[in-house]
Amino acid sequence: LTLIDGDSSAGKSVLVQQLIWGSLNDAHTACLFTTENTVTSLITQMQSLDLDVLDFLLLNRFKVYPMPVTRLKQTGFPPLLRAIRSEKGSDLVFLDSLTFLFFDAVDEEVLGFCQECKVLCGQGMTILIVVHSHALRDSLLIRMRSLCDCHLRLRTEEIGEKLVKTLQVSKVRGAD
């Protein structure tokens, strides 16, 4: 179970797209649940980065499930967990981003969702959760990080007159 967090425009979605591309090219299967893109916009964005996933989509090695924010907020965690469970054939499951779902939720619901994801990971699935760190209370983010096996934090920093994107690997437990 991996948590990827960072501020807006820190590069979380681009990192996820790079991880998807690398995984697919390494003969893995993947699915993406996304509030960030439609299927068409994802394909276009990834092609602009020279990451063409169209063949993987057509071969059913990569699946994309757009999640409208309004419906996600209405239905909550149970339908999303059922959808993730139904993807047992996927080696990797990417959730980009769950900020809108986590923002108004009770801490116990968020932690319960993360715990259920952890159980699925124990059954052989790899799940990567993306959130905007500024939208969550520090106390919740700390507890989420402790549940995860890996924590990646993305930031945009000003160095001199340049903006630089950084990736901080805060935690890696049991990685191959």
N, C-alpha and C. Protein backbone atom coordinates (compact mmCIF):
# COMPACT_ATOMS: atom_id res chain seq x y z
N LEU A 1 0.86 -1.17 0.00
CA LEU A 1 0.00 0.00 0.00
C LEU A 1 0.90 1.23 0.00
N THR A 2 0.70 2.08 -1.00
CA THR A 2 1.54 3.27 -1.15
C THR A 2 0.68 4.52 -1.08
N LEU A 3 1.14 5.50 -0.34
CA LEU A 3 0.51 6.81 -0.27
C LEU A 3 1.40 7.81 -0.98
N ILE A 4 0.82 8.53 -1.94
CA ILE A 4 1.53 9.60 -2.64
C ILE A 4 0.78 10.88 -2.31
N ASP A 5 1.45 11.81 -1.65
CA ASP A 5 0.79 13.08 -1.34
C ASP A 5 1.67 14.25 -1.74
N GLY A 6 1.02 15.39 -1.85
CA GLY A 6 1.72 16.60 -2.22
C GLY A 6 0.72 17.70 -2.49
N ASP A 7 1.25 18.90 -2.68
CA ASP A 7 0.41 20.05 -2.97
C ASP A 7 -0.07 20.01 -4.41
N SER A 8 -0.99 20.89 -4.74
CA SER A 8 -1.47 21.01 -6.11
C SER A 8 -0.30 21.34 -7.03
N SER A 9 -0.30 20.75 -8.20
CA SER A 9 0.72 20.98 -9.24
C SER A 9 2.11 20.48 -8.84
N ALA A 10 2.18 19.60 -7.86
CA ALA A 10 3.49 19.07 -7.47
C ALA A 10 3.94 17.94 -8.38
N GLY A 11 3.02 17.40 -9.19
CA GLY A 11 3.39 16.35 -10.13
C GLY A 11 2.90 14.96 -9.75
N LYS A 12 1.91 14.88 -8.86
CA LYS A 12 1.40 13.58 -8.41
C LYS A 12 0.84 12.76 -9.56
N SER A 13 -0.01 13.35 -10.37
CA SER A 13 -0.63 12.62 -11.48
C SER A 13 0.39 12.21 -12.53
N VAL A 14 1.36 13.07 -12.79
CA VAL A 14 2.41 12.73 -13.76
C VAL A 14 3.26 11.57 -13.23
N LEU A 15 3.55 11.57 -11.93
CA LEU A 15 4.28 10.45 -11.33
C LEU A 15 3.47 9.16 -11.49
N VAL A 16 2.18 9.23 -11.21
CA VAL A 16 1.32 8.05 -11.36
C VAL A 16 1.34 7.56 -12.80
N GLN A 17 1.27 8.48 -13.76
CA GLN A 17 1.29 8.09 -15.17
C GLN A 17 2.62 7.44 -15.54
N GLN A 18 3.72 7.93 -15.00
CA GLN A 18 5.02 7.31 -15.23
C GLN A 18 5.06 5.90 -14.62
N LEU A 19 4.52 5.74 -13.43
CA LEU A 19 4.48 4.43 -12.77
C LEU A 19 3.60 3.45 -13.55
N ILE A 20 2.49 3.94 -14.06
CA ILE A 20 1.61 3.10 -14.88
C ILE A 20 2.36 2.64 -16.13
N TRP A 21 2.99 3.59 -16.81
CA TRP A 21 3.72 3.29 -18.05
C TRP A 21 4.83 2.25 -17.79
N GLY A 22 5.60 2.47 -16.75
CA GLY A 22 6.68 1.53 -16.44
C GLY A 22 6.14 0.15 -16.08
N SER A 23 5.06 0.11 -15.33
CA SER A 23 4.47 -1.17 -14.94
C SER A 23 3.93 -1.93 -16.15
N LEU A 24 3.24 -1.22 -17.03
CA LEU A 24 2.69 -1.87 -18.23
C LEU A 24 3.80 -2.39 -19.13
N ASN A 25 4.87 -1.63 -19.25
CA ASN A 25 6.00 -2.06 -20.07
C ASN A 25 6.82 -3.16 -19.42
N ASP A 26 6.57 -3.39 -18.14
CA ASP A 26 7.24 -4.49 -17.44
C ASP A 26 6.30 -5.69 -17.32
N ALA A 27 5.30 -5.75 -18.23
CA ALA A 27 4.36 -6.88 -18.36
C ALA A 27 3.35 -7.01 -17.21
N HIS A 28 3.12 -5.94 -16.46
CA HIS A 28 2.09 -5.96 -15.42
C HIS A 28 0.78 -5.45 -16.00
N THR A 29 -0.30 -5.72 -15.27
CA THR A 29 -1.60 -5.15 -15.60
C THR A 29 -1.91 -4.07 -14.57
N ALA A 30 -2.69 -3.09 -14.98
CA ALA A 30 -2.98 -1.98 -14.07
C ALA A 30 -4.37 -1.42 -14.34
N CYS A 31 -4.92 -0.80 -13.32
CA CYS A 31 -6.15 -0.04 -13.51
C CYS A 31 -6.02 1.27 -12.74
N LEU A 32 -6.72 2.25 -13.23
CA LEU A 32 -6.68 3.60 -12.65
C LEU A 32 -8.09 4.06 -12.37
N PHE A 33 -8.37 4.37 -11.12
CA PHE A 33 -9.61 5.04 -10.74
C PHE A 33 -9.23 6.51 -10.60
N THR A 34 -9.86 7.39 -11.37
CA THR A 34 -9.39 8.77 -11.42
C THR A 34 -10.50 9.80 -11.31
N THR A 35 -10.26 10.81 -10.50
CA THR A 35 -11.10 12.00 -10.46
C THR A 35 -10.45 13.11 -11.28
N GLU A 36 -9.24 12.85 -11.75
CA GLU A 36 -8.44 13.86 -12.41
C GLU A 36 -8.66 13.92 -13.93
N ASN A 37 -9.10 12.81 -14.54
CA ASN A 37 -9.17 12.73 -16.00
C ASN A 37 -10.36 11.92 -16.47
N THR A 38 -10.71 12.13 -17.74
CA THR A 38 -11.56 11.18 -18.45
C THR A 38 -10.60 10.24 -19.17
N VAL A 39 -11.13 9.19 -19.78
CA VAL A 39 -10.27 8.28 -20.52
C VAL A 39 -9.56 9.03 -21.65
N THR A 40 -10.32 9.84 -22.38
CA THR A 40 -9.75 10.60 -23.50
C THR A 40 -8.69 11.58 -23.05
N SER A 41 -8.97 12.33 -21.98
CA SER A 41 -7.99 13.31 -21.51
C SER A 41 -6.74 12.64 -20.97
N LEU A 42 -6.91 11.46 -20.35
CA LEU A 42 -5.74 10.72 -19.85
C LEU A 42 -4.87 10.27 -21.01
N ILE A 43 -5.49 9.69 -22.03
CA ILE A 43 -4.72 9.23 -23.20
C ILE A 43 -3.98 10.41 -23.82
N THR A 44 -4.66 11.53 -23.99
CA THR A 44 -4.04 12.72 -24.57
C THR A 44 -2.89 13.22 -23.72
N GLN A 45 -3.11 13.30 -22.41
CA GLN A 45 -2.06 13.78 -21.51
C GLN A 45 -0.85 12.86 -21.52
N MET A 46 -1.09 11.55 -21.47
CA MET A 46 0.02 10.62 -21.45
C MET A 46 0.76 10.62 -22.79
N GLN A 47 0.04 10.76 -23.90
CA GLN A 47 0.70 10.85 -25.21
C GLN A 47 1.57 12.10 -25.28
N SER A 48 1.13 13.19 -24.63
CA SER A 48 1.94 14.42 -24.64
C SER A 48 3.25 14.24 -23.88
N LEU A 49 3.29 13.23 -23.00
CA LEU A 49 4.51 12.90 -22.25
C LEU A 49 5.27 11.75 -22.92
N ASP A 50 4.83 11.39 -24.13
CA ASP A 50 5.41 10.28 -24.89
C ASP A 50 5.21 8.95 -24.17
N LEU A 51 4.05 8.81 -23.54
CA LEU A 51 3.66 7.58 -22.84
C LEU A 51 2.34 7.10 -23.45
N ASP A 52 2.42 6.42 -24.57
CA ASP A 52 1.22 6.01 -25.29
C ASP A 52 0.68 4.70 -24.71
N VAL A 53 -0.48 4.77 -24.05
CA VAL A 53 -1.07 3.60 -23.41
C VAL A 53 -2.25 3.02 -24.20
N LEU A 54 -2.51 3.56 -25.36
CA LEU A 54 -3.67 3.14 -26.13
C LEU A 54 -3.66 1.62 -26.40
N ASP A 55 -2.54 1.07 -26.82
CA ASP A 55 -2.48 -0.37 -27.08
C ASP A 55 -2.77 -1.18 -25.82
N PHE A 56 -2.27 -0.73 -24.67
CA PHE A 56 -2.52 -1.43 -23.41
C PHE A 56 -4.01 -1.40 -23.06
N LEU A 57 -4.65 -0.26 -23.35
CA LEU A 57 -6.10 -0.17 -23.13
C LEU A 57 -6.85 -1.13 -24.04
N LEU A 58 -6.46 -1.15 -25.30
CA LEU A 58 -7.14 -2.02 -26.27
C LEU A 58 -6.92 -3.50 -25.97
N LEU A 59 -5.77 -3.83 -25.41
CA LEU A 59 -5.46 -5.22 -25.05
C LEU A 59 -6.01 -5.61 -23.67
N ASN A 60 -6.70 -4.66 -23.03
CA ASN A 60 -7.31 -4.87 -21.71
C ASN A 60 -6.28 -5.14 -20.61
N ARG A 61 -5.05 -4.67 -20.82
CA ARG A 61 -4.02 -4.77 -19.78
C ARG A 61 -4.03 -3.53 -18.89
N PHE A 62 -4.74 -2.49 -19.35
CA PHE A 62 -4.86 -1.26 -18.59
C PHE A 62 -6.32 -0.81 -18.68
N LYS A 63 -6.91 -0.56 -17.50
CA LYS A 63 -8.29 -0.11 -17.44
C LYS A 63 -8.34 1.23 -16.73
N VAL A 64 -9.23 2.09 -17.21
CA VAL A 64 -9.38 3.42 -16.62
C VAL A 64 -10.84 3.61 -16.22
N TYR A 65 -11.04 4.01 -14.97
CA TYR A 65 -12.38 4.24 -14.45
C TYR A 65 -12.48 5.68 -13.95
N PRO A 66 -13.06 6.57 -14.76
CA PRO A 66 -13.27 7.94 -14.28
C PRO A 66 -14.29 7.94 -13.13
N MET A 67 -14.01 8.72 -12.11
CA MET A 67 -14.90 8.83 -10.96
C MET A 67 -15.37 10.27 -10.82
N PRO A 68 -16.59 10.57 -11.26
CA PRO A 68 -17.09 11.94 -11.07
C PRO A 68 -17.11 12.28 -9.58
N VAL A 69 -16.59 13.42 -9.23
CA VAL A 69 -16.44 13.81 -7.83
C VAL A 69 -17.78 13.85 -7.11
N THR A 70 -18.82 14.38 -7.77
CA THR A 70 -20.12 14.49 -7.10
C THR A 70 -20.67 13.11 -6.75
N ARG A 71 -20.56 12.15 -7.66
CA ARG A 71 -21.06 10.80 -7.38
C ARG A 71 -20.20 10.13 -6.33
N LEU A 72 -18.90 10.33 -6.39
CA LEU A 72 -17.99 9.73 -5.42
C LEU A 72 -18.32 10.22 -4.01
N LYS A 73 -18.58 11.51 -3.88
CA LYS A 73 -18.91 12.07 -2.56
C LYS A 73 -20.25 11.55 -2.05
N GLN A 74 -21.20 11.29 -2.97
CA GLN A 74 -22.52 10.79 -2.57
C GLN A 74 -22.46 9.33 -2.13
N THR A 75 -21.70 8.53 -2.86
CA THR A 75 -21.70 7.09 -2.59
C THR A 75 -20.67 6.68 -1.54
N GLY A 76 -19.57 7.40 -1.46
CA GLY A 76 -18.58 7.14 -0.43
C GLY A 76 -17.69 5.93 -0.69
N PHE A 77 -17.21 5.35 0.39
CA PHE A 77 -16.20 4.30 0.33
C PHE A 77 -16.68 2.93 -0.13
N PRO A 78 -17.87 2.45 0.30
CA PRO A 78 -18.25 1.07 -0.04
C PRO A 78 -18.24 0.74 -1.54
N PRO A 79 -18.84 1.56 -2.42
CA PRO A 79 -18.79 1.21 -3.85
C PRO A 79 -17.37 1.22 -4.42
N LEU A 80 -16.54 2.11 -3.93
CA LEU A 80 -15.16 2.17 -4.40
C LEU A 80 -14.41 0.91 -3.97
N LEU A 81 -14.61 0.49 -2.75
CA LEU A 81 -13.96 -0.75 -2.29
C LEU A 81 -14.44 -1.96 -3.09
N ARG A 82 -15.73 -2.02 -3.40
CA ARG A 82 -16.24 -3.13 -4.22
C ARG A 82 -15.59 -3.10 -5.60
N ALA A 83 -15.45 -1.92 -6.17
CA ALA A 83 -14.84 -1.79 -7.50
C ALA A 83 -13.37 -2.21 -7.46
N ILE A 84 -12.66 -1.84 -6.41
CA ILE A 84 -11.25 -2.23 -6.28
C ILE A 84 -11.15 -3.74 -6.13
N ARG A 85 -12.01 -4.32 -5.30
CA ARG A 85 -12.00 -5.79 -5.11
C ARG A 85 -12.26 -6.52 -6.43
N SER A 86 -13.08 -5.92 -7.30
CA SER A 86 -13.41 -6.57 -8.57
C SER A 86 -12.23 -6.56 -9.54
N GLU A 87 -11.18 -5.84 -9.22
CA GLU A 87 -10.00 -5.74 -10.08
C GLU A 87 -8.90 -6.70 -9.63
N LYS A 88 -9.26 -7.83 -9.11
CA LYS A 88 -8.28 -8.83 -8.64
C LYS A 88 -7.28 -9.21 -9.73
N GLY A 89 -7.67 -9.10 -11.01
CA GLY A 89 -6.76 -9.45 -12.10
C GLY A 89 -5.71 -8.40 -12.37
N SER A 90 -5.85 -7.23 -11.78
CA SER A 90 -4.87 -6.16 -11.98
C SER A 90 -3.75 -6.28 -10.95
N ASP A 91 -2.52 -6.17 -11.43
CA ASP A 91 -1.38 -6.20 -10.51
C ASP A 91 -1.32 -4.93 -9.67
N LEU A 92 -1.65 -3.80 -10.31
CA LEU A 92 -1.57 -2.50 -9.63
C LEU A 92 -2.88 -1.75 -9.78
N VAL A 93 -3.30 -1.11 -8.69
CA VAL A 93 -4.50 -0.28 -8.69
C VAL A 93 -4.08 1.11 -8.25
N PHE A 94 -4.35 2.10 -9.09
CA PHE A 94 -4.01 3.48 -8.81
C PHE A 94 -5.29 4.25 -8.50
N LEU A 95 -5.28 5.04 -7.43
CA LEU A 95 -6.43 5.85 -7.04
C LEU A 95 -6.00 7.32 -7.05
N ASP A 96 -6.28 8.01 -8.15
CA ASP A 96 -5.79 9.39 -8.36
C ASP A 96 -6.95 10.33 -8.64
N SER A 97 -7.32 11.11 -7.79
CA SER A 97 -6.95 11.31 -6.42
C SER A 97 -8.19 11.15 -5.56
N LEU A 98 -7.98 10.79 -4.29
CA LEU A 98 -9.09 10.60 -3.36
C LEU A 98 -9.28 11.79 -2.44
N THR A 99 -8.70 12.91 -2.78
CA THR A 99 -8.79 14.11 -1.95
C THR A 99 -10.23 14.49 -1.66
N PHE A 100 -11.08 14.51 -2.68
CA PHE A 100 -12.47 14.94 -2.49
C PHE A 100 -13.24 13.97 -1.58
N LEU A 101 -12.93 12.69 -1.68
CA LEU A 101 -13.59 11.70 -0.84
C LEU A 101 -13.10 11.80 0.60
N PHE A 102 -11.81 12.00 0.78
CA PHE A 102 -11.23 12.05 2.12
C PHE A 102 -11.51 13.37 2.84
N PHE A 103 -11.69 14.44 2.09
CA PHE A 103 -11.78 15.79 2.67
C PHE A 103 -12.89 15.91 3.71
N ASP A 104 -14.10 15.45 3.37
CA ASP A 104 -15.24 15.61 4.28
C ASP A 104 -15.50 14.38 5.14
N ALA A 105 -14.75 13.33 4.94
CA ALA A 105 -15.01 12.07 5.64
C ALA A 105 -14.51 12.13 7.08
N VAL A 106 -15.13 11.32 7.90
CA VAL A 106 -14.69 11.14 9.29
C VAL A 106 -13.37 10.35 9.25
N ASP A 107 -12.45 10.70 10.12
CA ASP A 107 -11.13 10.05 10.14
C ASP A 107 -11.24 8.53 10.17
N GLU A 108 -12.16 8.00 10.96
CA GLU A 108 -12.30 6.54 11.07
C GLU A 108 -12.71 5.91 9.74
N GLU A 109 -13.52 6.63 8.94
CA GLU A 109 -13.90 6.11 7.63
C GLU A 109 -12.69 6.04 6.70
N VAL A 110 -11.89 7.08 6.71
CA VAL A 110 -10.69 7.12 5.87
C VAL A 110 -9.72 6.03 6.29
N LEU A 111 -9.49 5.90 7.58
CA LEU A 111 -8.56 4.89 8.08
C LEU A 111 -9.11 3.48 7.84
N GLY A 112 -10.42 3.32 7.95
CA GLY A 112 -11.04 2.04 7.65
C GLY A 112 -10.87 1.67 6.18
N PHE A 113 -11.01 2.65 5.30
CA PHE A 113 -10.79 2.43 3.87
C PHE A 113 -9.34 2.01 3.63
N CYS A 114 -8.41 2.73 4.23
CA CYS A 114 -6.99 2.40 4.07
C CYS A 114 -6.69 1.01 4.62
N GLN A 115 -7.32 0.65 5.73
CA GLN A 115 -7.11 -0.68 6.30
C GLN A 115 -7.64 -1.76 5.37
N GLU A 116 -8.79 -1.53 4.74
CA GLU A 116 -9.33 -2.48 3.77
C GLU A 116 -8.40 -2.62 2.57
N CYS A 117 -7.83 -1.50 2.13
CA CYS A 117 -6.85 -1.54 1.03
C CYS A 117 -5.63 -2.35 1.45
N LYS A 118 -5.22 -2.20 2.70
CA LYS A 118 -4.07 -2.94 3.22
C LYS A 118 -4.35 -4.45 3.19
N VAL A 119 -5.59 -4.85 3.52
CA VAL A 119 -5.98 -6.26 3.46
C VAL A 119 -5.88 -6.76 2.03
N LEU A 120 -6.36 -5.97 1.06
CA LEU A 120 -6.26 -6.36 -0.35
C LEU A 120 -4.81 -6.48 -0.79
N CYS A 121 -3.97 -5.62 -0.27
CA CYS A 121 -2.53 -5.71 -0.58
C CYS A 121 -1.95 -7.00 -0.02
N GLY A 122 -2.43 -7.42 1.13
CA GLY A 122 -1.98 -8.68 1.72
C GLY A 122 -2.39 -9.88 0.88
N GLN A 123 -3.37 -9.69 0.00
CA GLN A 123 -3.83 -10.75 -0.89
C GLN A 123 -3.17 -10.67 -2.27
N GLY A 124 -2.13 -9.83 -2.37
CA GLY A 124 -1.35 -9.79 -3.61
C GLY A 124 -1.57 -8.58 -4.49
N MET A 125 -2.43 -7.67 -4.12
CA MET A 125 -2.70 -6.49 -4.92
C MET A 125 -1.78 -5.35 -4.46
N THR A 126 -1.36 -4.50 -5.37
CA THR A 126 -0.60 -3.30 -5.02
C THR A 126 -1.51 -2.11 -5.27
N ILE A 127 -1.72 -1.29 -4.26
CA ILE A 127 -2.63 -0.14 -4.36
C ILE A 127 -1.85 1.12 -4.04
N LEU A 128 -2.00 2.12 -4.91
CA LEU A 128 -1.36 3.42 -4.71
C LEU A 128 -2.45 4.47 -4.58
N ILE A 129 -2.47 5.17 -3.46
CA ILE A 129 -3.47 6.20 -3.17
C ILE A 129 -2.81 7.57 -3.29
N VAL A 130 -3.46 8.46 -4.06
CA VAL A 130 -2.95 9.81 -4.25
C VAL A 130 -3.89 10.80 -3.55
N VAL A 131 -3.32 11.72 -2.77
CA VAL A 131 -4.10 12.76 -2.10
C VAL A 131 -3.33 14.08 -2.13
N HIS A 132 -4.07 15.16 -2.04
CA HIS A 132 -3.48 16.49 -1.88
C HIS A 132 -3.27 16.69 -0.38
N SER A 133 -2.04 16.82 0.04
CA SER A 133 -1.73 16.88 1.47
C SER A 133 -2.36 18.08 2.16
N HIS A 134 -2.53 19.19 1.45
CA HIS A 134 -3.09 20.38 2.09
C HIS A 134 -4.57 20.23 2.45
N ALA A 135 -5.24 19.23 1.87
CA ALA A 135 -6.67 19.06 2.10
C ALA A 135 -6.98 18.17 3.30
N LEU A 136 -5.96 17.57 3.89
CA LEU A 136 -6.18 16.66 5.01
C LEU A 136 -5.53 17.20 6.28
N ARG A 137 -6.17 16.92 7.39
CA ARG A 137 -5.60 17.31 8.68
C ARG A 137 -4.30 16.54 8.92
N ASP A 138 -3.33 17.20 9.52
CA ASP A 138 -2.04 16.56 9.78
C ASP A 138 -2.19 15.27 10.58
N SER A 139 -3.08 15.27 11.57
CA SER A 139 -3.24 14.08 12.41
C SER A 139 -3.74 12.89 11.58
N LEU A 140 -4.61 13.13 10.60
CA LEU A 140 -5.10 12.06 9.74
C LEU A 140 -4.00 11.59 8.79
N LEU A 141 -3.28 12.54 8.22
CA LEU A 141 -2.21 12.20 7.29
C LEU A 141 -1.12 11.37 7.98
N ILE A 142 -0.81 11.69 9.20
CA ILE A 142 0.20 10.93 9.96
C ILE A 142 -0.27 9.49 10.17
N ARG A 143 -1.54 9.31 10.52
CA ARG A 143 -2.06 7.95 10.73
C ARG A 143 -2.15 7.18 9.41
N MET A 144 -2.50 7.87 8.32
CA MET A 144 -2.53 7.20 7.02
C MET A 144 -1.13 6.74 6.63
N ARG A 145 -0.15 7.59 6.84
CA ARG A 145 1.24 7.23 6.52
C ARG A 145 1.69 6.00 7.30
N SER A 146 1.27 5.91 8.54
CA SER A 146 1.69 4.77 9.36
C SER A 146 1.07 3.46 8.87
N LEU A 147 -0.09 3.52 8.26
CA LEU A 147 -0.74 2.32 7.71
C LEU A 147 -0.08 1.83 6.43
N CYS A 148 0.54 2.75 5.71
CA CYS A 148 1.07 2.42 4.39
C CYS A 148 2.46 1.80 4.47
N ASP A 149 2.77 1.00 3.45
CA ASP A 149 4.09 0.39 3.36
C ASP A 149 5.09 1.35 2.72
N CYS A 150 4.57 2.26 1.94
CA CYS A 150 5.43 3.22 1.23
C CYS A 150 4.76 4.58 1.27
N HIS A 151 5.55 5.61 1.46
CA HIS A 151 5.03 6.98 1.43
C HIS A 151 5.95 7.84 0.58
N LEU A 152 5.37 8.43 -0.46
CA LEU A 152 6.09 9.35 -1.34
C LEU A 152 5.46 10.72 -1.21
N ARG A 153 6.29 11.73 -1.04
CA ARG A 153 5.79 13.09 -0.89
C ARG A 153 6.38 13.95 -2.00
N LEU A 154 5.52 14.64 -2.73
CA LEU A 154 5.98 15.53 -3.80
C LEU A 154 5.79 16.97 -3.38
N ARG A 155 6.77 17.78 -3.72
CA ARG A 155 6.72 19.20 -3.37
C ARG A 155 7.28 20.02 -4.51
N THR A 156 6.88 21.27 -4.54
CA THR A 156 7.48 22.25 -5.43
C THR A 156 8.22 23.23 -4.54
N GLU A 157 9.53 23.36 -4.78
CA GLU A 157 10.35 24.24 -3.95
C GLU A 157 10.98 25.31 -4.82
N GLU A 158 11.23 26.45 -4.22
CA GLU A 158 11.91 27.53 -4.93
C GLU A 158 13.39 27.48 -4.57
N ILE A 159 14.20 27.29 -5.58
CA ILE A 159 15.65 27.30 -5.39
C ILE A 159 16.20 28.42 -6.27
N GLY A 160 16.65 29.46 -5.61
CA GLY A 160 17.05 30.65 -6.36
C GLY A 160 15.83 31.23 -7.04
N GLU A 161 15.90 31.37 -8.34
CA GLU A 161 14.77 31.90 -9.10
C GLU A 161 14.01 30.79 -9.83
N LYS A 162 14.34 29.53 -9.55
CA LYS A 162 13.71 28.42 -10.24
C LYS A 162 12.78 27.65 -9.31
N LEU A 163 11.68 27.15 -9.89
CA LEU A 163 10.81 26.23 -9.17
C LEU A 163 11.26 24.81 -9.52
N VAL A 164 11.48 24.01 -8.48
CA VAL A 164 11.98 22.65 -8.67
C VAL A 164 11.00 21.69 -7.99
N LYS A 165 10.66 20.64 -8.71
CA LYS A 165 9.79 19.61 -8.14
C LYS A 165 10.67 18.56 -7.48
N THR A 166 10.31 18.19 -6.25
CA THR A 166 11.10 17.21 -5.52
C THR A 166 10.22 16.03 -5.12
N LEU A 167 10.84 14.88 -5.04
CA LEU A 167 10.17 13.67 -4.58
C LEU A 167 10.92 13.18 -3.35
N GLN A 168 10.22 13.15 -2.23
CA GLN A 168 10.81 12.68 -0.99
C GLN A 168 10.27 11.27 -0.72
N VAL A 169 11.15 10.32 -0.63
CA VAL A 169 10.77 8.95 -0.27
C VAL A 169 10.85 8.88 1.25
N SER A 170 9.69 9.01 1.90
CA SER A 170 9.66 9.08 3.35
C SER A 170 9.70 7.72 4.01
N LYS A 171 9.16 6.71 3.27
CA LYS A 171 9.06 5.39 3.91
C LYS A 171 8.95 4.35 2.82
N VAL A 172 9.71 3.27 2.96
CA VAL A 172 9.59 2.10 2.09
C VAL A 172 9.79 0.89 2.99
N ARG A 173 8.75 0.08 3.06
CA ARG A 173 8.81 -1.12 3.91
C ARG A 173 8.53 -2.34 3.03
N GLY A 174 9.44 -3.31 3.02
CA GLY A 174 9.22 -4.57 2.33
C GLY A 174 9.19 -4.49 0.81
N ALA A 175 9.88 -3.51 0.21
CA ALA A 175 9.86 -3.37 -1.24
C ALA A 175 10.83 -4.34 -1.90
N ASP A 176 10.44 -4.85 -3.07
CA ASP A 176 11.34 -5.69 -3.87
C ASP A 176 12.37 -4.81 -4.55
